[in-house]
Structures are given as structure tokens and as C-alpha cells.
Amino acid sequence: MGIGVSELLIILVIVVVLFGTKRLRNIGGDLGGAIKSFRTAVKDGENDKKSADSDTDSVDGEISSKKNENV
């Protein structure tokens, strides 16, 4: 019931005829650039989260040490 090789080839031929090879190459390049940007943004978000967590830990440590000094 799945799609076979012959069906995939027919779909590929129809897509090439509709869009043309130059347009498909541009679409592929744009899609690759978008994926690369997305991965970069995800990594930056994870790094920001890690740095924010480490900043919070140091602030919490300063607050608790100040409380102990007052006691």
C-alpha cells in the first residue's frame, strides 16, 4: 500500500515539469539556509538558557550569604 519507486519517479517528473530545475535549485538552497538558521537559533537559545541558569545560581548564593551575615 506504500508508495513505490515508480510512483516517486512520476511525482518527481511532474514537480520538475511544473517548477523547472532552476527554481527547484533555488527552493532547495533557501530551505537549506532556513534549516541552518533554525539550528543556529536553537543552539543560541540553549546557550542563553545555560548562562541565565548560572547567573541565577550566583545571585541566589549572594542572597543567602547576605542573609547569613545578618544573623
N, C-alpha and C. Protein backbone atom coordinates (compact mmCIF):
# COMPACT_ATOMS: atom_id res chain seq x y z
N MET A 1 0.82 -1.20 0.00
CA MET A 1 0.00 0.00 0.00
C MET A 1 0.86 1.26 0.00
N GLY A 2 2.14 1.13 0.26
CA GLY A 2 3.01 2.30 0.29
C GLY A 2 3.34 2.80 -1.11
N ILE A 3 4.03 3.91 -1.14
CA ILE A 3 4.44 4.49 -2.42
C ILE A 3 5.70 3.78 -2.88
N GLY A 4 5.67 3.29 -4.12
CA GLY A 4 6.80 2.58 -4.68
C GLY A 4 7.73 3.51 -5.43
N VAL A 5 8.78 2.93 -5.99
CA VAL A 5 9.78 3.69 -6.70
C VAL A 5 9.19 4.32 -7.96
N SER A 6 8.37 3.59 -8.67
CA SER A 6 7.80 4.13 -9.91
C SER A 6 6.89 5.32 -9.62
N GLU A 7 6.12 5.28 -8.54
CA GLU A 7 5.27 6.41 -8.17
C GLU A 7 6.10 7.63 -7.79
N LEU A 8 7.19 7.42 -7.08
CA LEU A 8 8.08 8.53 -6.72
C LEU A 8 8.70 9.17 -7.95
N LEU A 9 9.09 8.37 -8.92
CA LEU A 9 9.66 8.92 -10.15
C LEU A 9 8.64 9.74 -10.92
N ILE A 10 7.40 9.27 -10.97
CA ILE A 10 6.35 10.03 -11.65
C ILE A 10 6.12 11.36 -10.96
N ILE A 11 6.09 11.37 -9.64
CA ILE A 11 5.91 12.61 -8.88
C ILE A 11 7.09 13.54 -9.11
N LEU A 12 8.30 13.03 -9.13
CA LEU A 12 9.49 13.83 -9.38
C LEU A 12 9.44 14.48 -10.76
N VAL A 13 9.05 13.72 -11.78
CA VAL A 13 8.95 14.27 -13.14
C VAL A 13 7.91 15.38 -13.19
N ILE A 14 6.77 15.19 -12.55
CA ILE A 14 5.72 16.22 -12.54
C ILE A 14 6.22 17.48 -11.85
N VAL A 15 6.92 17.35 -10.72
CA VAL A 15 7.44 18.51 -9.99
C VAL A 15 8.47 19.25 -10.83
N VAL A 16 9.35 18.54 -11.51
CA VAL A 16 10.37 19.17 -12.35
C VAL A 16 9.70 19.91 -13.52
N VAL A 17 8.69 19.32 -14.10
CA VAL A 17 7.99 19.97 -15.22
C VAL A 17 7.27 21.23 -14.73
N LEU A 18 6.65 21.17 -13.57
CA LEU A 18 5.90 22.33 -13.07
C LEU A 18 6.81 23.47 -12.65
N PHE A 19 7.88 23.18 -11.94
CA PHE A 19 8.71 24.23 -11.37
C PHE A 19 9.98 24.51 -12.18
N GLY A 20 10.54 23.54 -12.82
CA GLY A 20 11.79 23.71 -13.54
C GLY A 20 12.97 23.47 -12.61
N THR A 21 14.10 23.12 -13.21
CA THR A 21 15.26 22.75 -12.40
C THR A 21 15.87 23.96 -11.70
N LYS A 22 15.87 25.13 -12.34
CA LYS A 22 16.46 26.31 -11.71
C LYS A 22 15.66 26.72 -10.48
N ARG A 23 14.37 26.71 -10.58
CA ARG A 23 13.53 27.09 -9.44
C ARG A 23 13.65 26.08 -8.31
N LEU A 24 13.73 24.80 -8.64
CA LEU A 24 13.91 23.78 -7.61
C LEU A 24 15.24 23.94 -6.89
N ARG A 25 16.28 24.31 -7.64
CA ARG A 25 17.60 24.53 -7.02
C ARG A 25 17.53 25.71 -6.04
N ASN A 26 16.83 26.77 -6.43
CA ASN A 26 16.67 27.92 -5.54
C ASN A 26 15.87 27.56 -4.30
N ILE A 27 14.82 26.79 -4.49
CA ILE A 27 13.99 26.37 -3.35
C ILE A 27 14.82 25.51 -2.39
N GLY A 28 15.63 24.62 -2.93
CA GLY A 28 16.48 23.77 -2.10
C GLY A 28 17.50 24.58 -1.31
N GLY A 29 18.10 25.57 -1.97
CA GLY A 29 19.07 26.43 -1.28
C GLY A 29 18.42 27.24 -0.18
N ASP A 30 17.24 27.78 -0.47
CA ASP A 30 16.52 28.55 0.55
C ASP A 30 16.12 27.68 1.73
N LEU A 31 15.67 26.47 1.44
CA LEU A 31 15.28 25.56 2.51
C LEU A 31 16.49 25.17 3.36
N GLY A 32 17.62 24.93 2.73
CA GLY A 32 18.85 24.60 3.47
C GLY A 32 19.29 25.76 4.36
N GLY A 33 19.20 26.98 3.84
CA GLY A 33 19.57 28.16 4.64
C GLY A 33 18.64 28.34 5.83
N ALA A 34 17.36 28.08 5.63
CA ALA A 34 16.40 28.21 6.72
C ALA A 34 16.67 27.18 7.81
N ILE A 35 17.00 25.97 7.42
CA ILE A 35 17.30 24.92 8.40
C ILE A 35 18.57 25.28 9.19
N LYS A 36 19.57 25.80 8.49
CA LYS A 36 20.81 26.19 9.15
C LYS A 36 20.56 27.32 10.15
N SER A 37 19.76 28.30 9.77
CA SER A 37 19.42 29.41 10.67
C SER A 37 18.65 28.91 11.89
N PHE A 38 17.74 27.97 11.66
CA PHE A 38 16.97 27.41 12.77
C PHE A 38 17.87 26.69 13.76
N ARG A 39 18.79 25.89 13.26
CA ARG A 39 19.71 25.17 14.15
C ARG A 39 20.58 26.14 14.94
N THR A 40 21.04 27.20 14.29
CA THR A 40 21.86 28.20 14.98
C THR A 40 21.06 28.88 16.08
N ALA A 41 19.79 29.21 15.79
CA ALA A 41 18.95 29.86 16.78
C ALA A 41 18.68 28.95 17.97
N VAL A 42 18.48 27.67 17.71
CA VAL A 42 18.25 26.72 18.80
C VAL A 42 19.48 26.61 19.69
N LYS A 43 20.67 26.54 19.08
CA LYS A 43 21.90 26.46 19.87
C LYS A 43 22.11 27.73 20.68
N ASP A 44 21.83 28.89 20.09
CA ASP A 44 21.97 30.15 20.82
C ASP A 44 20.99 30.21 21.99
N GLY A 45 19.78 29.71 21.78
CA GLY A 45 18.79 29.69 22.86
C GLY A 45 19.23 28.80 24.00
N GLU A 46 19.81 27.65 23.67
CA GLU A 46 20.29 26.74 24.72
C GLU A 46 21.44 27.38 25.49
N ASN A 47 22.33 28.05 24.77
CA ASN A 47 23.47 28.70 25.43
C ASN A 47 22.98 29.84 26.32
N ASP A 48 21.99 30.60 25.86
CA ASP A 48 21.44 31.68 26.67
C ASP A 48 20.78 31.14 27.94
N LYS A 49 20.09 30.01 27.80
CA LYS A 49 19.42 29.41 28.95
C LYS A 49 20.46 28.92 29.97
N LYS A 50 21.54 28.31 29.47
CA LYS A 50 22.59 27.84 30.38
C LYS A 50 23.24 28.99 31.11
N SER A 51 23.52 30.08 30.39
CA SER A 51 24.17 31.23 31.03
C SER A 51 23.21 31.90 32.01
N ALA A 52 21.92 31.92 31.70
CA ALA A 52 20.94 32.51 32.62
C ALA A 52 20.83 31.66 33.88
N ASP A 53 20.88 30.33 33.73
CA ASP A 53 20.83 29.46 34.90
C ASP A 53 22.05 29.66 35.79
N SER A 54 23.22 29.81 35.20
CA SER A 54 24.43 30.01 36.01
C SER A 54 24.40 31.38 36.68
N ASP A 55 23.84 32.40 36.03
CA ASP A 55 23.71 33.72 36.64
C ASP A 55 22.75 33.67 37.82
N THR A 56 21.67 32.92 37.69
CA THR A 56 20.69 32.80 38.77
C THR A 56 21.31 32.11 39.97
N ASP A 57 22.12 31.08 39.73
CA ASP A 57 22.77 30.38 40.84
C ASP A 57 23.68 31.31 41.62
N SER A 58 24.43 32.15 40.94
CA SER A 58 25.35 33.04 41.65
C SER A 58 24.57 34.10 42.41
N VAL A 59 23.46 34.57 41.87
CA VAL A 59 22.65 35.57 42.58
C VAL A 59 22.04 34.94 43.81
N ASP A 60 21.53 33.73 43.70
CA ASP A 60 20.95 33.04 44.86
C ASP A 60 22.01 32.83 45.94
N GLY A 61 23.22 32.50 45.55
CA GLY A 61 24.28 32.30 46.52
C GLY A 61 24.63 33.59 47.24
N GLU A 62 24.61 34.71 46.54
CA GLU A 62 24.91 36.00 47.17
C GLU A 62 23.82 36.38 48.16
N ILE A 63 22.58 36.13 47.81
CA ILE A 63 21.47 36.49 48.69
C ILE A 63 21.51 35.66 49.97
N SER A 64 21.76 34.34 49.82
CA SER A 64 21.79 33.50 51.02
C SER A 64 22.99 33.83 51.89
N SER A 65 24.12 34.23 51.30
CA SER A 65 25.27 34.59 52.12
C SER A 65 25.02 35.90 52.85
N LYS A 66 24.29 36.83 52.24
CA LYS A 66 23.97 38.08 52.93
C LYS A 66 23.01 37.85 54.08
N LYS A 67 22.09 36.90 53.91
CA LYS A 67 21.17 36.58 54.99
C LYS A 67 21.92 36.00 56.18
N ASN A 68 22.93 35.15 55.89
CA ASN A 68 23.70 34.56 56.96
C ASN A 68 24.55 35.58 57.69
N GLU A 69 24.99 36.63 57.00
CA GLU A 69 25.80 37.67 57.64
C GLU A 69 24.97 38.48 58.63
N ASN A 70 23.70 38.68 58.33
CA ASN A 70 22.83 39.47 59.18
C ASN A 70 22.43 38.71 60.46
N VAL A 71 22.55 37.41 60.44
CA VAL A 71 22.12 36.60 61.59
C VAL A 71 23.14 36.55 62.64
